[in-house]
Amino acid sequence: MSRLRARYRARVTLDDVDEYATSLAGCKRKGHPGRVAWYVDDRLVVRQDEPGTLLVRVGFEDRERLLADHPDTFGVPPRWESHMKVQAELDGDAEAIRTAIRLAWVMQKR
């Protein structure tokens, strides 16, 4: 079982993100080292952001719920406030990150 699926707190790696994201139907890895991303139907699901973080594409309602339920895992930089994005800390709650990726995948698939 990957650490991304584990219920305990452990640092999530990009390999964990890749394993989970590519397990979602149609979700494919793109990009290059240092800026890897996962897309479904050519629409962004999640990508590597600043060191130790991910950008996850989620709707505003889902974003607010993630922020309220997991404030130590998710945040919104000021530059993203008007965008449907949330920043996930890789050392945050692995199950919450997995949930955010799944929400993004559902929103972005056609």
PDB file of N, CA and C in Angstrom:
ATOM      1  N   MET A   1       0.856  -1.177   0.000  1.00  0.00           N
ATOM      2  CA  MET A   1       0.000   0.000   0.000  1.00  0.00           C
ATOM      3  C   MET A   1       0.899   1.235   0.000  1.00  0.00           C
ATOM      4  N   SER A   2       0.621   2.203  -0.868  1.00  0.00           N
ATOM      5  CA  SER A   2       1.445   3.400  -0.923  1.00  0.00           C
ATOM      6  C   SER A   2       1.223   4.261   0.307  1.00  0.00           C
ATOM      7  N   ARG A   3       2.203   5.115   0.571  1.00  0.00           N
ATOM      8  CA  ARG A   3       2.056   6.022   1.710  1.00  0.00           C
ATOM      9  C   ARG A   3       0.910   6.992   1.489  1.00  0.00           C
ATOM     10  N   LEU A   4       0.591   7.297   0.231  1.00  0.00           N
ATOM     11  CA  LEU A   4      -0.517   8.212  -0.045  1.00  0.00           C
ATOM     12  C   LEU A   4      -1.833   7.613   0.426  1.00  0.00           C
ATOM     13  N   ARG A   5      -1.927   6.308   0.473  1.00  0.00           N
ATOM     14  CA  ARG A   5      -3.147   5.655   0.933  1.00  0.00           C
ATOM     15  C   ARG A   5      -3.130   5.410   2.434  1.00  0.00           C
ATOM     16  N   ALA A   6      -2.004   5.584   3.047  1.00  0.00           N
ATOM     17  CA  ALA A   6      -1.893   5.306   4.484  1.00  0.00           C
ATOM     18  C   ALA A   6      -2.683   6.325   5.291  1.00  0.00           C
ATOM     19  N   ARG A   7      -3.143   5.907   6.435  1.00  0.00           N
ATOM     20  CA  ARG A   7      -3.932   6.792   7.290  1.00  0.00           C
ATOM     21  C   ARG A   7      -3.060   7.592   8.250  1.00  0.00           C
ATOM     22  N   TYR A   8      -1.814   7.198   8.423  1.00  0.00           N
ATOM     23  CA  TYR A   8      -0.928   7.924   9.321  1.00  0.00           C
ATOM     24  C   TYR A   8      -0.262   9.069   8.569  1.00  0.00           C
ATOM     25  N   ARG A   9       0.259  10.026   9.314  1.00  0.00           N
ATOM     26  CA  ARG A   9       0.927  11.162   8.694  1.00  0.00           C
ATOM     27  C   ARG A   9       2.341  10.762   8.298  1.00  0.00           C
ATOM     28  N   ALA A  10       2.638  10.869   7.054  1.00  0.00           N
ATOM     29  CA  ALA A  10       3.969  10.617   6.524  1.00  0.00           C
ATOM     30  C   ALA A  10       4.145  11.524   5.316  1.00  0.00           C
ATOM     31  N   ARG A  11       5.351  11.939   5.073  1.00  0.00           N
ATOM     32  CA  ARG A  11       5.593  12.823   3.939  1.00  0.00           C
ATOM     33  C   ARG A  11       5.205  12.115   2.642  1.00  0.00           C
ATOM     34  N   VAL A  12       4.373  12.760   1.876  1.00  0.00           N
ATOM     35  CA  VAL A  12       3.959  12.254   0.572  1.00  0.00           C
ATOM     36  C   VAL A  12       5.062  12.614  -0.424  1.00  0.00           C
ATOM     37  N   THR A  13       5.410  11.684  -1.286  1.00  0.00           N
ATOM     38  CA  THR A  13       6.412  11.943  -2.315  1.00  0.00           C
ATOM     39  C   THR A  13       5.725  12.111  -3.669  1.00  0.00           C
ATOM     40  N   LEU A  14       6.458  12.647  -4.627  1.00  0.00           N
ATOM     41  CA  LEU A  14       5.905  12.753  -5.978  1.00  0.00           C
ATOM     42  C   LEU A  14       5.665  11.372  -6.576  1.00  0.00           C
ATOM     43  N   ASP A  15       6.446  10.381  -6.168  1.00  0.00           N
ATOM     44  CA  ASP A  15       6.181   9.008  -6.616  1.00  0.00           C
ATOM     45  C   ASP A  15       4.832   8.523  -6.087  1.00  0.00           C
ATOM     46  N   ASP A  16       4.502   8.879  -4.835  1.00  0.00           N
ATOM     47  CA  ASP A  16       3.198   8.522  -4.270  1.00  0.00           C
ATOM     48  C   ASP A  16       2.078   9.196  -5.061  1.00  0.00           C
ATOM     49  N   VAL A  17       2.274  10.484  -5.368  1.00  0.00           N
ATOM     50  CA  VAL A  17       1.273  11.222  -6.145  1.00  0.00           C
ATOM     51  C   VAL A  17       1.112  10.571  -7.515  1.00  0.00           C
ATOM     52  N   ASP A  18       2.231  10.224  -8.147  1.00  0.00           N
ATOM     53  CA  ASP A  18       2.183   9.584  -9.459  1.00  0.00           C
ATOM     54  C   ASP A  18       1.428   8.260  -9.398  1.00  0.00           C
ATOM     55  N   GLU A  19       1.723   7.455  -8.396  1.00  0.00           N
ATOM     56  CA  GLU A  19       1.049   6.157  -8.255  1.00  0.00           C
ATOM     57  C   GLU A  19      -0.459   6.337  -8.120  1.00  0.00           C
ATOM     58  N   TYR A  20      -0.872   7.297  -7.292  1.00  0.00           N
ATOM     59  CA  TYR A  20      -2.308   7.492  -7.089  1.00  0.00           C
ATOM     60  C   TYR A  20      -2.957   8.155  -8.305  1.00  0.00           C
ATOM     61  N   ALA A  21      -2.382   9.261  -8.783  1.00  0.00           N
ATOM     62  CA  ALA A  21      -3.003  10.001  -9.887  1.00  0.00           C
ATOM     63  C   ALA A  21      -3.136   9.131 -11.132  1.00  0.00           C
ATOM     64  N   THR A  22      -2.111   8.371 -11.460  1.00  0.00           N
ATOM     65  CA  THR A  22      -2.191   7.546 -12.669  1.00  0.00           C
ATOM     66  C   THR A  22      -3.092   6.328 -12.490  1.00  0.00           C
ATOM     67  N   SER A  23      -3.517   6.061 -11.264  1.00  0.00           N
ATOM     68  CA  SER A  23      -4.498   4.984 -11.053  1.00  0.00           C
ATOM     69  C   SER A  23      -5.914   5.447 -11.380  1.00  0.00           C
ATOM     70  N   LEU A  24      -6.109   6.750 -11.521  1.00  0.00           N
ATOM     71  CA  LEU A  24      -7.417   7.312 -11.867  1.00  0.00           C
ATOM     72  C   LEU A  24      -7.587   7.243 -13.387  1.00  0.00           C
ATOM     73  N   ALA A  25      -8.723   6.787 -13.839  1.00  0.00           N
ATOM     74  CA  ALA A  25      -8.966   6.559 -15.267  1.00  0.00           C
ATOM     75  C   ALA A  25      -8.625   7.784 -16.109  1.00  0.00           C
ATOM     76  N   GLY A  26      -7.742   7.591 -17.082  1.00  0.00           N
ATOM     77  CA  GLY A  26      -7.399   8.647 -18.023  1.00  0.00           C
ATOM     78  C   GLY A  26      -6.408   9.668 -17.521  1.00  0.00           C
ATOM     79  N   CYS A  27      -5.961   9.570 -16.298  1.00  0.00           N
ATOM     80  CA  CYS A  27      -5.039  10.562 -15.729  1.00  0.00           C
ATOM     81  C   CYS A  27      -3.611  10.199 -16.131  1.00  0.00           C
ATOM     82  N   LYS A  28      -2.921  11.157 -16.763  1.00  0.00           N
ATOM     83  CA  LYS A  28      -1.584  10.912 -17.296  1.00  0.00           C
ATOM     84  C   LYS A  28      -0.588  11.940 -16.782  1.00  0.00           C
ATOM     85  N   ARG A  29       0.631  11.468 -16.603  1.00  0.00           N
ATOM     86  CA  ARG A  29       1.729  12.328 -16.152  1.00  0.00           C
ATOM     87  C   ARG A  29       2.322  13.053 -17.353  1.00  0.00           C
ATOM     88  N   LYS A  30       2.586  14.347 -17.178  1.00  0.00           N
ATOM     89  CA  LYS A  30       3.233  15.172 -18.198  1.00  0.00           C
ATOM     90  C   LYS A  30       4.238  16.071 -17.493  1.00  0.00           C
ATOM     91  N   GLY A  31       4.908  16.874 -18.263  1.00  0.00           N
ATOM     92  CA  GLY A  31       5.839  17.824 -17.680  1.00  0.00           C
ATOM     93  C   GLY A  31       7.263  17.318 -17.723  1.00  0.00           C
ATOM     94  N   HIS A  32       8.087  17.905 -16.875  1.00  0.00           N
ATOM     95  CA  HIS A  32       9.506  17.584 -16.833  1.00  0.00           C
ATOM     96  C   HIS A  32       9.969  17.629 -15.386  1.00  0.00           C
ATOM     97  N   PRO A  33      11.128  17.078 -15.088  1.00  0.00           N
ATOM     98  CA  PRO A  33      11.609  17.124 -13.700  1.00  0.00           C
ATOM     99  C   PRO A  33      11.603  18.560 -13.177  1.00  0.00           C
ATOM    100  N   GLY A  34      11.086  18.729 -12.002  1.00  0.00           N
ATOM    101  CA  GLY A  34      10.972  20.057 -11.414  1.00  0.00           C
ATOM    102  C   GLY A  34       9.631  20.719 -11.665  1.00  0.00           C
ATOM    103  N   ARG A  35       8.866  20.185 -12.602  1.00  0.00           N
ATOM    104  CA  ARG A  35       7.541  20.749 -12.895  1.00  0.00           C
ATOM    105  C   ARG A  35       6.624  19.666 -13.461  1.00  0.00           C
ATOM    106  N   VAL A  36       6.578  18.540 -12.777  1.00  0.00           N
ATOM    107  CA  VAL A  36       5.757  17.424 -13.226  1.00  0.00           C
ATOM    108  C   VAL A  36       4.289  17.704 -12.899  1.00  0.00           C
ATOM    109  N   ALA A  37       3.388  17.200 -13.758  1.00  0.00           N
ATOM    110  CA  ALA A  37       1.957  17.446 -13.574  1.00  0.00           C
ATOM    111  C   ALA A  37       1.171  16.242 -14.072  1.00  0.00           C
ATOM    112  N   TRP A  38      -0.077  16.159 -13.645  1.00  0.00           N
ATOM    113  CA  TRP A  38      -0.973  15.077 -14.050  1.00  0.00           C
ATOM    114  C   TRP A  38      -2.248  15.704 -14.612  1.00  0.00           C
ATOM    115  N   TYR A  39      -2.678  15.174 -15.752  1.00  0.00           N
ATOM    116  CA  TYR A  39      -3.822  15.717 -16.481  1.00  0.00           C
ATOM    117  C   TYR A  39      -4.814  14.612 -16.808  1.00  0.00           C
ATOM    118  N   VAL A  40      -6.076  14.982 -16.923  1.00  0.00           N
ATOM    119  CA  VAL A  40      -7.099  14.102 -17.470  1.00  0.00           C
ATOM    120  C   VAL A  40      -7.770  14.883 -18.596  1.00  0.00           C
ATOM    121  N   ASP A  41      -7.885  14.258 -19.757  1.00  0.00           N
ATOM    122  CA  ASP A  41      -8.459  14.925 -20.934  1.00  0.00           C
ATOM    123  C   ASP A  41      -7.791  16.278 -21.190  1.00  0.00           C
ATOM    124  N   ASP A  42      -6.468  16.327 -21.021  1.00  0.00           N
ATOM    125  CA  ASP A  42      -5.659  17.541 -21.215  1.00  0.00           C
ATOM    126  C   ASP A  42      -6.052  18.687 -20.285  1.00  0.00           C
ATOM    127  N   ARG A  43      -6.660  18.356 -19.151  1.00  0.00           N
ATOM    128  CA  ARG A  43      -7.030  19.367 -18.158  1.00  0.00           C
ATOM    129  C   ARG A  43      -6.277  19.060 -16.865  1.00  0.00           C
ATOM    130  N   LEU A  44      -5.691  20.079 -16.281  1.00  0.00           N
ATOM    131  CA  LEU A  44      -4.848  19.916 -15.098  1.00  0.00           C
ATOM    132  C   LEU A  44      -5.614  19.340 -13.918  1.00  0.00           C
ATOM    133  N   VAL A  45      -5.019  18.342 -13.278  1.00  0.00           N
ATOM    134  CA  VAL A  45      -5.532  17.767 -12.036  1.00  0.00           C
ATOM    135  C   VAL A  45      -4.654  18.231 -10.880  1.00  0.00           C
ATOM    136  N   VAL A  46      -3.365  17.959 -10.974  1.00  0.00           N
ATOM    137  CA  VAL A  46      -2.420  18.296  -9.907  1.00  0.00           C
ATOM    138  C   VAL A  46      -1.043  18.491 -10.533  1.00  0.00           C
ATOM    139  N   ARG A  47      -0.253  19.389  -9.953  1.00  0.00           N
ATOM    140  CA  ARG A  47       1.119  19.555 -10.420  1.00  0.00           C
ATOM    141  C   ARG A  47       2.024  19.917  -9.258  1.00  0.00           C
ATOM    142  N   GLN A  48       3.286  19.627  -9.469  1.00  0.00           N
ATOM    143  CA  GLN A  48       4.305  20.030  -8.513  1.00  0.00           C
ATOM    144  C   GLN A  48       4.353  21.551  -8.511  1.00  0.00           C
ATOM    145  N   ASP A  49       4.455  22.131  -7.321  1.00  0.00           N
ATOM    146  CA  ASP A  49       4.509  23.587  -7.206  1.00  0.00           C
ATOM    147  C   ASP A  49       5.843  23.958  -6.574  1.00  0.00           C
ATOM    148  N   GLU A  50       5.826  24.823  -5.609  1.00  0.00           N
ATOM    149  CA  GLU A  50       7.039  25.194  -4.892  1.00  0.00           C
ATOM    150  C   GLU A  50       7.581  23.963  -4.176  1.00  0.00           C
ATOM    151  N   PRO A  51       8.861  23.974  -3.790  1.00  0.00           N
ATOM    152  CA  PRO A  51       9.413  22.801  -3.090  1.00  0.00           C
ATOM    153  C   PRO A  51       8.535  22.379  -1.907  1.00  0.00           C
ATOM    154  N   GLY A  52       8.178  21.100  -1.903  1.00  0.00           N
ATOM    155  CA  GLY A  52       7.379  20.559  -0.808  1.00  0.00           C
ATOM    156  C   GLY A  52       5.890  20.775  -0.920  1.00  0.00           C
ATOM    157  N   THR A  53       5.425  21.283  -2.072  1.00  0.00           N
ATOM    158  CA  THR A  53       3.991  21.543  -2.227  1.00  0.00           C
ATOM    159  C   THR A  53       3.480  21.077  -3.585  1.00  0.00           C
ATOM    160  N   LEU A  54       2.163  20.936  -3.636  1.00  0.00           N
ATOM    161  CA  LEU A  54       1.449  20.622  -4.870  1.00  0.00           C
ATOM    162  C   LEU A  54       0.397  21.686  -5.114  1.00  0.00           C
ATOM    163  N   LEU A  55       0.093  21.943  -6.369  1.00  0.00           N
ATOM    164  CA  LEU A  55      -1.072  22.724  -6.756  1.00  0.00           C
ATOM    165  C   LEU A  55      -2.128  21.704  -7.154  1.00  0.00           C
ATOM    166  N   VAL A  56      -3.296  21.782  -6.538  1.00  0.00           N
ATOM    167  CA  VAL A  56      -4.389  20.865  -6.856  1.00  0.00           C
ATOM    168  C   VAL A  56      -5.562  21.702  -7.353  1.00  0.00           C
ATOM    169  N   ARG A  57      -6.107  21.321  -8.493  1.00  0.00           N
ATOM    170  CA  ARG A  57      -7.205  22.066  -9.116  1.00  0.00           C
ATOM    171  C   ARG A  57      -8.532  21.568  -8.537  1.00  0.00           C
ATOM    172  N   VAL A  58      -9.163  22.349  -7.689  1.00  0.00           N
ATOM    173  CA  VAL A  58     -10.449  21.973  -7.089  1.00  0.00           C
ATOM    174  C   VAL A  58     -11.406  23.155  -7.169  1.00  0.00           C
ATOM    175  N   GLY A  59     -12.694  22.861  -7.155  1.00  0.00           N
ATOM    176  CA  GLY A  59     -13.707  23.907  -7.148  1.00  0.00           C
ATOM    177  C   GLY A  59     -13.690  24.681  -5.837  1.00  0.00           C
ATOM    178  N   PHE A  60     -14.308  25.844  -5.849  1.00  0.00           N
ATOM    179  CA  PHE A  60     -14.281  26.708  -4.663  1.00  0.00           C
ATOM    180  C   PHE A  60     -14.909  26.055  -3.434  1.00  0.00           C
ATOM    181  N   GLU A  61     -16.031  25.369  -3.601  1.00  0.00           N
ATOM    182  CA  GLU A  61     -16.673  24.718  -2.442  1.00  0.00           C
ATOM    183  C   GLU A  61     -15.791  23.622  -1.870  1.00  0.00           C
ATOM    184  N   ASP A  62     -15.214  22.804  -2.741  1.00  0.00           N
ATOM    185  CA  ASP A  62     -14.308  21.755  -2.270  1.00  0.00           C
ATOM    186  C   ASP A  62     -13.079  22.369  -1.607  1.00  0.00           C
ATOM    187  N   ARG A  63     -12.568  23.449  -2.176  1.00  0.00           N
ATOM    188  CA  ARG A  63     -11.400  24.114  -1.594  1.00  0.00           C
ATOM    189  C   ARG A  63     -11.704  24.586  -0.179  1.00  0.00           C
ATOM    190  N   GLU A  64     -12.842  25.227   0.015  1.00  0.00           N
ATOM    191  CA  GLU A  64     -13.187  25.732   1.345  1.00  0.00           C
ATOM    192  C   GLU A  64     -13.332  24.596   2.353  1.00  0.00           C
ATOM    193  N   ARG A  65     -13.891  23.485   1.911  1.00  0.00           N
ATOM    194  CA  ARG A  65     -14.039  22.326   2.797  1.00  0.00           C
ATOM    195  C   ARG A  65     -12.663  21.744   3.161  1.00  0.00           C
ATOM    196  N   LEU A  66     -11.778  21.627   2.179  1.00  0.00           N
ATOM    197  CA  LEU A  66     -10.433  21.120   2.449  1.00  0.00           C
ATOM    198  C   LEU A  66      -9.687  22.037   3.414  1.00  0.00           C
ATOM    199  N   LEU A  67      -9.806  23.337   3.213  1.00  0.00           N
ATOM    200  CA  LEU A  67      -9.141  24.301   4.098  1.00  0.00           C
ATOM    201  C   LEU A  67      -9.676  24.211   5.521  1.00  0.00           C
ATOM    202  N   ALA A  68     -10.981  24.072   5.663  1.00  0.00           N
ATOM    203  CA  ALA A  68     -11.596  24.000   6.995  1.00  0.00           C
ATOM    204  C   ALA A  68     -11.254  22.694   7.704  1.00  0.00           C
ATOM    205  N   ASP A  69     -11.275  21.587   6.957  1.00  0.00           N
ATOM    206  CA  ASP A  69     -11.051  20.274   7.560  1.00  0.00           C
ATOM    207  C   ASP A  69      -9.581  19.945   7.782  1.00  0.00           C
ATOM    208  N   HIS A  70      -8.692  20.537   6.991  1.00  0.00           N
ATOM    209  CA  HIS A  70      -7.263  20.188   7.049  1.00  0.00           C
ATOM    210  C   HIS A  70      -6.389  21.440   6.920  1.00  0.00           C
ATOM    211  N   PRO A  71      -6.475  22.367   7.873  1.00  0.00           N
ATOM    212  CA  PRO A  71      -5.721  23.617   7.756  1.00  0.00           C
ATOM    213  C   PRO A  71      -4.202  23.443   7.786  1.00  0.00           C
ATOM    214  N   ASP A  72      -3.710  22.335   8.332  1.00  0.00           N
ATOM    215  CA  ASP A  72      -2.269  22.098   8.353  1.00  0.00           C
ATOM    216  C   ASP A  72      -1.764  21.482   7.051  1.00  0.00           C
ATOM    217  N   THR A  73      -2.678  21.064   6.190  1.00  0.00           N
ATOM    218  CA  THR A  73      -2.301  20.429   4.928  1.00  0.00           C
ATOM    219  C   THR A  73      -2.505  21.360   3.737  1.00  0.00           C
ATOM    220  N   PHE A  74      -3.561  22.173   3.766  1.00  0.00           N
ATOM    221  CA  PHE A  74      -3.918  22.991   2.611  1.00  0.00           C
ATOM    222  C   PHE A  74      -3.877  24.480   2.927  1.00  0.00           C
ATOM    223  N   GLY A  75      -3.579  25.250   1.896  1.00  0.00           N
ATOM    224  CA  GLY A  75      -3.588  26.699   1.998  1.00  0.00           C
ATOM    225  C   GLY A  75      -3.857  27.295   0.622  1.00  0.00           C
ATOM    226  N   VAL A  76      -4.049  28.607   0.595  1.00  0.00           N
ATOM    227  CA  VAL A  76      -4.271  29.314  -0.665  1.00  0.00           C
ATOM    228  C   VAL A  76      -3.378  30.550  -0.675  1.00  0.00           C
ATOM    229  N   PRO A  77      -2.311  30.527  -1.468  1.00  0.00           N
ATOM    230  CA  PRO A  77      -1.488  31.727  -1.591  1.00  0.00           C
ATOM    231  C   PRO A  77      -2.337  32.876  -2.148  1.00  0.00           C
ATOM    232  N   PRO A  78      -2.044  34.107  -1.764  1.00  0.00           N
ATOM    233  CA  PRO A  78      -2.853  35.246  -2.229  1.00  0.00           C
ATOM    234  C   PRO A  78      -3.044  35.283  -3.749  1.00  0.00           C
ATOM    235  N   ARG A  79      -2.041  34.892  -4.501  1.00  0.00           N
ATOM    236  CA  ARG A  79      -2.146  34.944  -5.967  1.00  0.00           C
ATOM    237  C   ARG A  79      -3.161  33.948  -6.518  1.00  0.00           C
ATOM    238  N   TRP A  80      -3.598  32.977  -5.711  1.00  0.00           N
ATOM    239  CA  TRP A  80      -4.554  31.958  -6.156  1.00  0.00           C
ATOM    240  C   TRP A  80      -5.965  32.200  -5.639  1.00  0.00           C
ATOM    241  N   GLU A  81      -6.188  33.232  -4.868  1.00  0.00           N
ATOM    242  CA  GLU A  81      -7.485  33.410  -4.215  1.00  0.00           C
ATOM    243  C   GLU A  81      -8.659  33.420  -5.184  1.00  0.00           C
ATOM    244  N   SER A  82      -8.483  33.946  -6.377  1.00  0.00           N
ATOM    245  CA  SER A  82      -9.595  34.003  -7.337  1.00  0.00           C
ATOM    246  C   SER A  82      -9.594  32.816  -8.306  1.00  0.00           C
ATOM    247  N   HIS A  83      -8.737  31.838  -8.056  1.00  0.00           N
ATOM    248  CA  HIS A  83      -8.629  30.665  -8.928  1.00  0.00           C
ATOM    249  C   HIS A  83      -9.076  29.403  -8.201  1.00  0.00           C
ATOM    250  N   MET A  84      -9.527  28.435  -8.962  1.00  0.00           N
ATOM    251  CA  MET A  84      -9.964  27.158  -8.380  1.00  0.00           C
ATOM    252  C   MET A  84      -8.743  26.265  -8.158  1.00  0.00           C
ATOM    253  N   LYS A  85      -7.960  26.623  -7.149  1.00  0.00           N
ATOM    254  CA  LYS A  85      -6.726  25.915  -6.824  1.00  0.00           C
ATOM    255  C   LYS A  85      -6.537  25.915  -5.319  1.00  0.00           C
ATOM    256  N   VAL A  86      -5.850  24.888  -4.858  1.00  0.00           N
ATOM    257  CA  VAL A  86      -5.450  24.830  -3.458  1.00  0.00           C
ATOM    258  C   VAL A  86      -4.017  24.311  -3.433  1.00  0.00           C
ATOM    259  N   GLN A  87      -3.243  24.785  -2.475  1.00  0.00           N
ATOM    260  CA  GLN A  87      -1.874  24.314  -2.310  1.00  0.00           C
ATOM    261  C   GLN A  87      -1.840  23.265  -1.210  1.00  0.00           C
ATOM    262  N   ALA A  88      -1.243  22.117  -1.512  1.00  0.00           N
ATOM    263  CA  ALA A  88      -1.130  21.024  -0.547  1.00  0.00           C
ATOM    264  C   ALA A  88       0.322  20.879  -0.118  1.00  0.00           C
ATOM    265  N   GLU A  89       0.529  20.766   1.179  1.00  0.00           N
ATOM    266  CA  GLU A  89       1.858  20.526   1.741  1.00  0.00           C
ATOM    267  C   GLU A  89       2.135  19.026   1.691  1.00  0.00           C
ATOM    268  N   LEU A  90       3.253  18.629   1.097  1.00  0.00           N
ATOM    269  CA  LEU A  90       3.566  17.208   0.981  1.00  0.00           C
ATOM    270  C   LEU A  90       3.771  16.527   2.326  1.00  0.00           C
ATOM    271  N   ASP A  91       4.064  17.293   3.361  1.00  0.00           N
ATOM    272  CA  ASP A  91       4.189  16.675   4.689  1.00  0.00           C
ATOM    273  C   ASP A  91       2.881  16.746   5.468  1.00  0.00           C
ATOM    274  N   GLY A  92       1.789  17.058   4.769  1.00  0.00           N
ATOM    275  CA  GLY A  92       0.463  17.104   5.388  1.00  0.00           C
ATOM    276  C   GLY A  92      -0.193  15.734   5.422  1.00  0.00           C
ATOM    277  N   ASP A  93      -1.488  15.729   5.618  1.00  0.00           N
ATOM    278  CA  ASP A  93      -2.284  14.508   5.740  1.00  0.00           C
ATOM    279  C   ASP A  93      -2.405  13.811   4.378  1.00  0.00           C
ATOM    280  N   ALA A  94      -1.821  12.619   4.277  1.00  0.00           N
ATOM    281  CA  ALA A  94      -1.784  11.891   3.005  1.00  0.00           C
ATOM    282  C   ALA A  94      -3.181  11.566   2.483  1.00  0.00           C
ATOM    283  N   GLU A  95      -4.069  11.161   3.358  1.00  0.00           N
ATOM    284  CA  GLU A  95      -5.431  10.819   2.929  1.00  0.00           C
ATOM    285  C   GLU A  95      -6.159  12.060   2.410  1.00  0.00           C
ATOM    286  N   ALA A  96      -5.945  13.207   3.040  1.00  0.00           N
ATOM    287  CA  ALA A  96      -6.572  14.449   2.586  1.00  0.00           C
ATOM    288  C   ALA A  96      -6.035  14.855   1.215  1.00  0.00           C
ATOM    289  N   ILE A  97      -4.748  14.668   0.994  1.00  0.00           N
ATOM    290  CA  ILE A  97      -4.159  14.981  -0.312  1.00  0.00           C
ATOM    291  C   ILE A  97      -4.749  14.066  -1.376  1.00  0.00           C
ATOM    292  N   ARG A  98      -4.890  12.814  -1.055  1.00  0.00           N
ATOM    293  CA  ARG A  98      -5.501  11.856  -1.983  1.00  0.00           C
ATOM    294  C   ARG A  98      -6.934  12.288  -2.315  1.00  0.00           C
ATOM    295  N   THR A  99      -7.683  12.711  -1.314  1.00  0.00           N
ATOM    296  CA  THR A  99      -9.051  13.187  -1.529  1.00  0.00           C
ATOM    297  C   THR A  99      -9.063  14.395  -2.458  1.00  0.00           C
ATOM    298  N   ALA A 100      -8.155  15.341  -2.243  1.00  0.00           N
ATOM    299  CA  ALA A 100      -8.091  16.536  -3.082  1.00  0.00           C
ATOM    300  C   ALA A 100      -7.786  16.169  -4.534  1.00  0.00           C
ATOM    301  N   ILE A 101      -6.859  15.241  -4.731  1.00  0.00           N
ATOM    302  CA  ILE A 101      -6.527  14.811  -6.094  1.00  0.00           C
ATOM    303  C   ILE A 101      -7.742  14.165  -6.756  1.00  0.00           C
ATOM    304  N   ARG A 102      -8.455  13.349  -6.009  1.00  0.00           N
ATOM    305  CA  ARG A 102      -9.657  12.703  -6.573  1.00  0.00           C
ATOM    306  C   ARG A 102     -10.723  13.751  -6.913  1.00  0.00           C
ATOM    307  N   LEU A 103     -10.923  14.744  -6.054  1.00  0.00           N
ATOM    308  CA  LEU A 103     -11.881  15.816  -6.340  1.00  0.00           C
ATOM    309  C   LEU A 103     -11.490  16.559  -7.617  1.00  0.00           C
ATOM    310  N   ALA A 104     -10.198  16.821  -7.777  1.00  0.00           N
ATOM    311  CA  ALA A 104      -9.709  17.505  -8.976  1.00  0.00           C
ATOM    312  C   ALA A 104      -9.960  16.664 -10.222  1.00  0.00           C
ATOM    313  N   TRP A 105      -9.691  15.381 -10.120  1.00  0.00           N
ATOM    314  CA  TRP A 105      -9.902  14.472 -11.246  1.00  0.00           C
ATOM    315  C   TRP A 105     -11.379  14.448 -11.655  1.00  0.00           C
ATOM    316  N   VAL A 106     -12.270  14.361 -10.676  1.00  0.00           N
ATOM    317  CA  VAL A 106     -13.713  14.357 -10.959  1.00  0.00           C
ATOM    318  C   VAL A 106     -14.113  15.655 -11.657  1.00  0.00           C
ATOM    319  N   MET A 107     -13.613  16.781 -11.162  1.00  0.00           N
ATOM    320  CA  MET A 107     -13.969  18.075 -11.738  1.00  0.00           C
ATOM    321  C   MET A 107     -13.445  18.227 -13.167  1.00  0.00           C
ATOM    322  N   GLN A 108     -12.278  17.701 -13.448  1.00  0.00           N
ATOM    323  CA  GLN A 108     -11.628  17.954 -14.729  1.00  0.00           C
ATOM    324  C   GLN A 108     -11.947  16.935 -15.822  1.00  0.00           C
ATOM    325  N   LYS A 109     -12.424  15.758 -15.462  1.00  0.00           N
ATOM    326  CA  LYS A 109     -12.686  14.778 -16.526  1.00  0.00           C
ATOM    327  C   LYS A 109     -13.937  15.174 -17.300  1.00  0.00           C
ATOM    328  N   ARG A 110     -13.926  14.849 -18.567  1.00  0.00           N
ATOM    329  CA  ARG A 110     -15.044  15.232 -19.445  1.00  0.00           C
ATOM    330  C   ARG A 110     -16.005  14.103 -19.601  1.00  0.00           C
TER     331      ARG A 110
END
